[in-house]
Protein backbone atom coordinates (compact mmCIF):
# COMPACT_ATOMS: atom_id res chain seq x y z
CA MET A 1 -99.89 20.06 17.79
CA ARG A 2 -98.27 20.57 21.19
CA HIS A 3 -95.26 18.53 20.10
CA MET A 4 -94.98 20.42 16.80
CA ARG A 5 -95.17 23.78 18.55
CA ARG A 6 -92.30 22.69 20.79
CA GLY A 7 -90.22 21.49 17.86
CA ASP A 8 -90.42 17.85 18.99
CA PHE A 9 -91.43 16.49 15.60
CA GLY A 10 -90.42 12.93 16.45
CA ALA A 11 -92.98 12.78 19.27
CA ALA A 12 -95.59 14.26 16.93
CA TRP A 13 -95.04 11.51 14.37
CA ALA A 14 -95.59 8.86 17.04
CA VAL A 15 -99.02 10.40 17.63
CA SER A 16 -99.62 10.56 13.86
CA ASP A 17 -98.75 6.87 13.54
CA ALA A 18 -101.38 6.01 16.14
CA VAL A 19 -103.96 8.17 14.36
CA LEU A 20 -103.12 6.50 11.05
CA ARG A 21 -103.70 3.06 12.54
CA ALA A 22 -106.96 4.16 14.21
CA ARG A 23 -108.51 5.51 11.03
CA ALA A 24 -107.63 2.51 8.84
CA GLY A 25 -110.58 1.79 6.56
CA LEU A 26 -112.42 4.97 7.53
CA SER A 27 -113.48 7.60 5.00
CA SER A 28 -113.03 11.36 5.38
CA THR A 29 -114.94 12.43 2.26
CA HIS A 30 -117.71 13.91 4.43
CA LEU A 31 -115.26 16.48 5.79
CA PRO A 32 -114.29 19.79 4.14
CA ARG A 33 -111.53 19.08 1.66
CA HIS A 34 -108.78 20.77 3.69
CA GLU A 35 -109.62 18.50 6.66
CA GLN A 36 -109.60 15.24 4.70
CA TRP A 37 -106.81 12.70 5.18
CA ILE A 38 -105.52 10.90 2.13
CA TRP A 39 -102.45 8.79 2.87
CA ASP A 40 -103.23 5.27 4.14
CA GLY A 41 -99.66 4.29 4.97
CA THR A 42 -98.82 2.82 1.55
CA PRO A 43 -95.08 3.24 0.82
CA LEU A 44 -94.19 5.69 -1.93
CA ALA A 45 -91.08 3.86 -3.15
CA GLY A 46 -91.24 2.84 -6.79
CA ARG A 47 -94.81 4.05 -7.21
CA ARG A 48 -96.63 6.72 -9.20
CA VAL A 49 -97.47 9.30 -6.54
CA LEU A 50 -100.25 11.86 -6.70
CA ILE A 51 -99.77 14.79 -4.31
CA ARG A 52 -103.06 16.54 -3.55
CA CYS A 53 -102.78 20.20 -2.50
CA TYR A 54 -105.97 20.53 -0.47
CA HIS A 55 -104.84 23.30 1.87
CA GLY A 56 -104.35 27.03 1.21
CA LEU A 57 -102.05 28.80 -1.21
CA GLY A 58 -99.49 29.55 1.47
CA ASP A 59 -99.52 25.93 2.64
CA THR A 60 -98.89 24.77 -0.91
CA LEU A 61 -95.94 27.15 -1.32
CA GLN A 62 -94.45 26.06 2.00
CA PHE A 63 -94.72 22.31 1.56
CA VAL A 64 -94.02 21.91 -2.15
CA ARG A 65 -90.40 21.79 -0.98
CA TYR A 66 -91.09 18.08 -0.34
CA ALA A 67 -91.62 17.24 -4.01
CA PRO A 68 -87.90 16.56 -4.63
CA LEU A 69 -87.86 14.16 -1.66
CA VAL A 70 -90.84 12.30 -3.06
CA LYS A 71 -89.11 12.10 -6.43
CA THR A 72 -86.05 10.44 -4.87
CA VAL A 73 -88.20 7.39 -4.05
CA ALA A 74 -91.17 7.52 -6.43
CA SER A 75 -91.23 6.47 -10.06
CA GLU A 76 -93.43 9.47 -10.98
CA VAL A 77 -94.70 12.55 -9.14
CA THR A 78 -97.89 14.39 -10.07
CA LEU A 79 -98.81 17.60 -8.25
CA TRP A 80 -102.53 18.47 -8.22
CA ALA A 81 -102.47 22.12 -7.17
CA PRO A 82 -104.51 25.35 -7.14
CA PRO A 83 -104.61 26.83 -10.65
CA ALA A 84 -103.42 30.28 -9.49
CA LEU A 85 -100.11 28.76 -8.39
CA LEU A 86 -99.37 26.62 -11.45
CA PRO A 87 -97.16 29.17 -13.26
CA LEU A 88 -94.91 29.40 -10.22
CA LEU A 89 -95.02 25.69 -9.33
CA ARG A 90 -93.63 24.87 -12.76
CA THR A 91 -90.30 26.05 -11.34
CA ALA A 92 -90.39 23.52 -8.48
CA ALA A 93 -88.03 20.56 -8.65
CA GLY A 94 -89.19 16.96 -8.44
CA VAL A 95 -92.53 17.34 -10.25
CA ASP A 96 -93.11 15.25 -13.37
CA ARG A 97 -96.69 16.42 -14.02
CA LEU A 98 -98.60 19.46 -12.82
CA LEU A 99 -102.42 19.49 -12.92
CA PRO A 100 -104.98 22.15 -11.91
CA LEU A 101 -106.93 21.25 -8.78
CA HIS A 102 -110.73 21.06 -9.18
CA ASP A 103 -113.70 19.57 -7.34
CA GLY A 104 -113.86 16.34 -9.32
CA ALA A 105 -111.63 13.28 -9.51
CA PRO A 106 -107.98 13.73 -10.54
CA ASP A 107 -107.42 13.28 -14.27
CA VAL A 108 -104.39 11.03 -13.94
CA ASP A 109 -103.45 7.44 -13.15
CA TYR A 110 -101.55 6.86 -9.91
CA ASP A 111 -100.62 4.11 -7.46
CA VAL A 112 -100.67 6.02 -4.17
CA ASP A 113 -101.87 9.47 -3.20
CA VAL A 114 -101.02 11.78 -0.34
CA GLU A 115 -102.09 15.23 0.80
CA LEU A 116 -99.21 17.70 0.61
CA LEU A 117 -99.13 18.39 4.35
CA GLU A 118 -98.87 14.67 5.10
CA LEU A 119 -95.37 14.58 3.59
CA PRO A 120 -93.49 15.79 6.71
CA HIS A 121 -94.97 12.80 8.57
CA ILE A 122 -94.13 10.39 5.75
CA PHE A 123 -90.51 11.56 5.67
CA ARG A 124 -90.22 11.76 9.47
CA THR A 125 -89.04 15.35 9.33
CA THR A 126 -87.13 16.75 12.30
CA LEU A 127 -85.72 20.22 12.82
CA GLU A 128 -82.38 18.80 11.67
CA THR A 129 -83.70 17.20 8.47
CA LEU A 130 -86.27 19.79 7.48
CA PRO A 131 -85.72 20.69 3.78
CA ALA A 132 -84.83 24.38 3.93
CA ASP A 133 -82.62 25.03 0.91
CA ILE A 134 -83.82 28.28 -0.63
CA PRO A 135 -84.86 29.41 -3.07
CA TYR A 136 -86.83 26.34 -4.11
CA LEU A 137 -89.17 28.38 -6.31
CA HIS A 138 -87.75 30.68 -8.95
CA VAL A 139 -88.85 33.94 -10.55
CA PRO A 140 -86.59 36.36 -12.46
CA PRO A 141 -86.61 39.77 -10.76
CA ALA A 142 -88.34 42.72 -12.39
CA PRO A 143 -86.13 45.71 -13.24
CA ARG A 144 -85.21 47.54 -10.05
CA PRO A 145 -85.63 51.33 -10.12
CA SER A 146 -82.74 53.46 -8.96
CA GLY A 147 -82.67 54.87 -5.46
CA ASP A 148 -80.91 54.27 -2.16
CA ALA A 149 -83.87 53.96 0.20
CA PRO A 150 -84.70 50.41 1.34
CA ARG A 151 -87.66 49.11 -0.66
CA VAL A 152 -90.12 47.42 1.72
CA GLY A 153 -93.29 45.55 0.72
CA LEU A 154 -96.25 45.41 3.11
CA VAL A 155 -99.18 42.99 3.54
CA TRP A 156 -101.43 43.54 6.57
CA ARG A 157 -104.63 41.58 5.88
CA ALA A 158 -104.87 37.78 5.75
CA GLY A 159 -107.85 35.67 4.70
CA ASP A 160 -111.21 36.27 6.38
CA TRP A 161 -111.29 32.78 7.90
CA ASP A 162 -108.99 33.86 10.78
CA ALA A 163 -109.29 37.55 11.61
CA ARG A 164 -106.64 37.21 14.34
CA ARG A 165 -103.94 37.12 11.68
CA SER A 166 -104.73 40.57 10.28
CA LEU A 167 -103.62 44.03 11.31
CA PRO A 168 -106.01 46.98 11.45
CA THR A 169 -105.36 49.09 8.38
CA GLU A 170 -104.81 52.25 10.41
CA LEU A 171 -102.12 50.53 12.48
CA ALA A 172 -100.40 49.09 9.41
CA ALA A 173 -100.42 52.55 7.85
CA THR A 174 -98.21 53.87 10.65
CA LEU A 175 -95.32 52.01 9.01
CA ALA A 176 -95.56 54.49 6.13
CA ASP A 177 -94.35 57.13 8.59
CA VAL A 178 -90.98 55.44 9.12
CA PRO A 179 -88.46 57.85 7.57
CA GLY A 180 -86.01 56.72 4.94
CA ILE A 181 -87.87 53.71 3.52
CA GLU A 182 -89.78 53.29 0.27
CA LEU A 183 -92.96 51.47 1.23
CA HIS A 184 -94.68 49.30 -1.38
CA VAL A 185 -98.26 48.18 -0.72
CA LEU A 186 -98.51 44.55 -1.82
CA GLN A 187 -101.94 44.00 -0.24
CA ARG A 188 -104.69 42.78 -2.55
CA GLY A 189 -108.45 42.60 -2.14
CA PRO A 190 -110.82 44.98 -0.33
CA ALA A 191 -108.26 45.89 2.35
CA ARG A 192 -106.18 47.74 -0.20
CA ASP A 193 -109.06 50.17 -0.75
CA GLU A 194 -108.81 51.14 2.93
CA TRP A 195 -105.19 52.28 2.54
CA PRO A 196 -104.48 56.04 2.76
CA ALA A 197 -103.97 57.28 -0.80
CA ALA A 198 -100.86 59.35 -0.03
CA ALA A 199 -99.00 56.61 1.88
CA GLY A 200 -96.53 54.44 0.02
CA VAL A 201 -96.67 53.04 -3.49
CA LEU A 202 -99.43 50.67 -4.64
CA SER A 203 -97.40 47.84 -6.14
CA GLY A 204 -98.82 44.32 -5.76
CA SER A 205 -100.31 41.99 -8.35
CA ASP A 206 -102.88 39.20 -8.46
CA ASP A 207 -100.54 37.32 -10.82
CA ILE A 208 -98.24 35.10 -8.75
CA LEU A 209 -95.28 35.44 -11.12
CA GLU A 210 -95.60 39.23 -11.26
CA LEU A 211 -95.81 39.42 -7.48
CA GLY A 212 -92.76 37.19 -7.12
CA ALA A 213 -90.79 39.26 -9.63
CA LEU A 214 -91.67 42.42 -7.73
CA MET A 215 -90.68 40.88 -4.40
CA ARG A 216 -87.27 40.09 -5.81
CA THR A 217 -86.70 43.82 -6.37
CA LEU A 218 -87.47 44.57 -2.71
CA ASP A 219 -85.04 44.64 0.18
CA LEU A 220 -87.67 43.29 2.56
CA VAL A 221 -91.27 42.08 2.77
CA VAL A 222 -93.28 42.74 5.95
CA SER A 223 -96.35 40.51 6.06
CA VAL A 224 -98.90 38.96 8.35
CA ASP A 225 -99.22 35.16 8.31
CA SER A 226 -100.52 34.80 4.77
CA MET A 227 -99.51 33.58 1.32
CA PRO A 228 -97.14 36.49 0.51
CA ALA A 229 -94.97 35.64 3.53
CA HIS A 230 -94.54 32.10 2.20
CA LEU A 231 -93.85 33.35 -1.31
CA ALA A 232 -91.11 35.67 -0.10
CA GLY A 233 -89.59 32.91 2.03
CA ALA A 234 -89.66 30.36 -0.80
CA LEU A 235 -87.97 32.86 -3.14
CA GLY A 236 -85.27 33.65 -0.58
CA VAL A 237 -86.42 37.25 -0.12
CA PRO A 238 -85.95 38.69 3.40
CA VAL A 239 -89.34 38.69 5.14
CA TRP A 240 -90.58 39.79 8.55
CA THR A 241 -93.74 37.92 9.55
CA LEU A 242 -96.17 39.30 12.13
CA LEU A 243 -97.82 36.56 14.21
CA HIS A 244 -100.75 36.68 16.59
CA ALA A 245 -100.34 35.29 20.10
CA GLN A 246 -101.79 31.84 19.29
CA ALA A 247 -99.86 31.46 16.05
CA ASP A 248 -100.07 28.37 13.87
CA TRP A 249 -98.02 25.30 14.83
CA ARG A 250 -95.55 25.79 11.97
CA TRP A 251 -94.08 28.87 13.65
CA MET A 252 -93.57 26.95 16.90
CA GLU A 253 -93.18 28.80 20.19
CA ASP A 254 -90.82 31.48 21.49
CA ARG A 255 -88.83 31.74 18.28
CA ALA A 256 -87.84 34.87 16.40
CA ASP A 257 -86.71 32.84 13.40
CA SER A 258 -88.17 30.02 11.30
CA PRO A 259 -86.33 26.82 10.37
CA TRP A 260 -88.65 26.63 7.35
CA TYR A 261 -87.39 29.91 5.89
CA PRO A 262 -83.81 31.01 6.59
CA THR A 263 -84.53 34.60 5.44
CA MET A 264 -87.53 35.05 7.77
CA ARG A 265 -87.82 36.81 11.12
CA LEU A 266 -90.88 36.50 13.35
CA PHE A 267 -92.51 39.38 15.24
CA ARG A 268 -95.01 37.99 17.73
CA GLN A 269 -97.89 39.42 19.71
CA GLN A 270 -97.19 39.07 23.41
CA ARG A 271 -100.86 39.43 24.36
CA PRO A 272 -103.85 38.31 22.28
CA GLY A 273 -105.23 41.10 20.16
CA ARG A 274 -102.47 43.57 21.03
CA TRP A 275 -100.66 44.35 17.78
CA GLU A 276 -99.24 47.73 18.76
CA PRO A 277 -96.03 46.52 20.48
CA ALA A 278 -95.16 44.17 17.62
CA VAL A 279 -95.76 46.90 15.03
CA ARG A 280 -93.60 49.33 17.05
CA ARG A 281 -90.80 46.78 17.01
CA VAL A 282 -91.13 46.46 13.25
CA ALA A 283 -91.10 50.26 12.87
CA ASP A 284 -87.98 50.56 15.04
CA GLU A 285 -86.21 47.86 13.04
CA LEU A 286 -87.20 49.54 9.76
CA ALA A 287 -85.83 52.84 11.00
CA ALA A 288 -82.57 51.12 11.91
CA LEU A 289 -82.45 49.51 8.47
CA ALA A 290 -82.91 52.89 6.80
CA ALA A 291 -80.25 54.48 9.01
CA VAL A 292 -77.52 52.11 7.84
CA ARG A 293 -78.35 52.81 4.20
C-alpha cells in the first residue's frame, strides 16, 4: 500500500509476487468475499477467463477498464458483476459474457478466474501504462434543459462502512449558497432526506443508466469518494472528488489529479476530520466557474 500511494507500482507488484508465492495452496473462503484472493498465478493467455467483481460498485466501475486488456490475451472473458451495474457494464468493451453476481458458484465454465482488482497486478500496471482512455462506459445523455448557469451535481454521503469519507449534510448544503450555479442533488438513501428542501434540485436516480444519463447533462459532479465519482470519471464527465486525510491508495498522495480519471480533480482534507477548508476551496472554485459563464 505504501508503494501504491507513492505511485511506485512496480515495487508494489514485487511485494504482490511474494504474497502470491506465500499463499500458494491456501484457501481464503473463510474471509469476507471482498477480502478473498482468487488468482493463483495461472496465465490468462488462450484461456476462458472468469472475472469476479467481489468489491464495491465504485471498484467495479473503476477496474472494468481492464476487461479489454484481458480480452487481448484470453479466448473468452466472462464478467461476474453486481446486478445493479449490469445495464451499464453491457457497454464495456472486452466482455463476451456478463452474469449477475450472487452468493453461490458461478454459472459458467472457465479455465482461470481472477478478482477484478487483481488485474493491475497481472498486467504489471505502472503510471505510464495505466489504461485511462475515457469514456470506457457509455450512456446517451438525457435532454439538457436550457439555461446558462453551470449545472453541478452533488453527492456528500458515502457508504456507512467508512464514515470518514462523508461530509456532514449541513456543510455540504453550504455549496447551495454559491451564486450562479444550478445545484443538482444526486445523493441517494437516507442522507437525501436530511437535505434542506429549498436548496438545489433533487435529481438523482437509483437506476445506474438514468444516473449516468443525467450526469452527462451536467457541467460538473462534486462527490465524496463513492460510486458516483467513479461513474462520472468513467463516463468522461468532469468530477471533483473530496477525499479525507487518509484517502484510499488509489488516489495516491499529494496529488490534485488522478491518473485513473483524466477529468477528475481531487480536493483533500489537510487534517483528519476537518472538511471545512476543502469545502471552502470547492465553493471558491464553483464561484469562479460561475463567473466565467
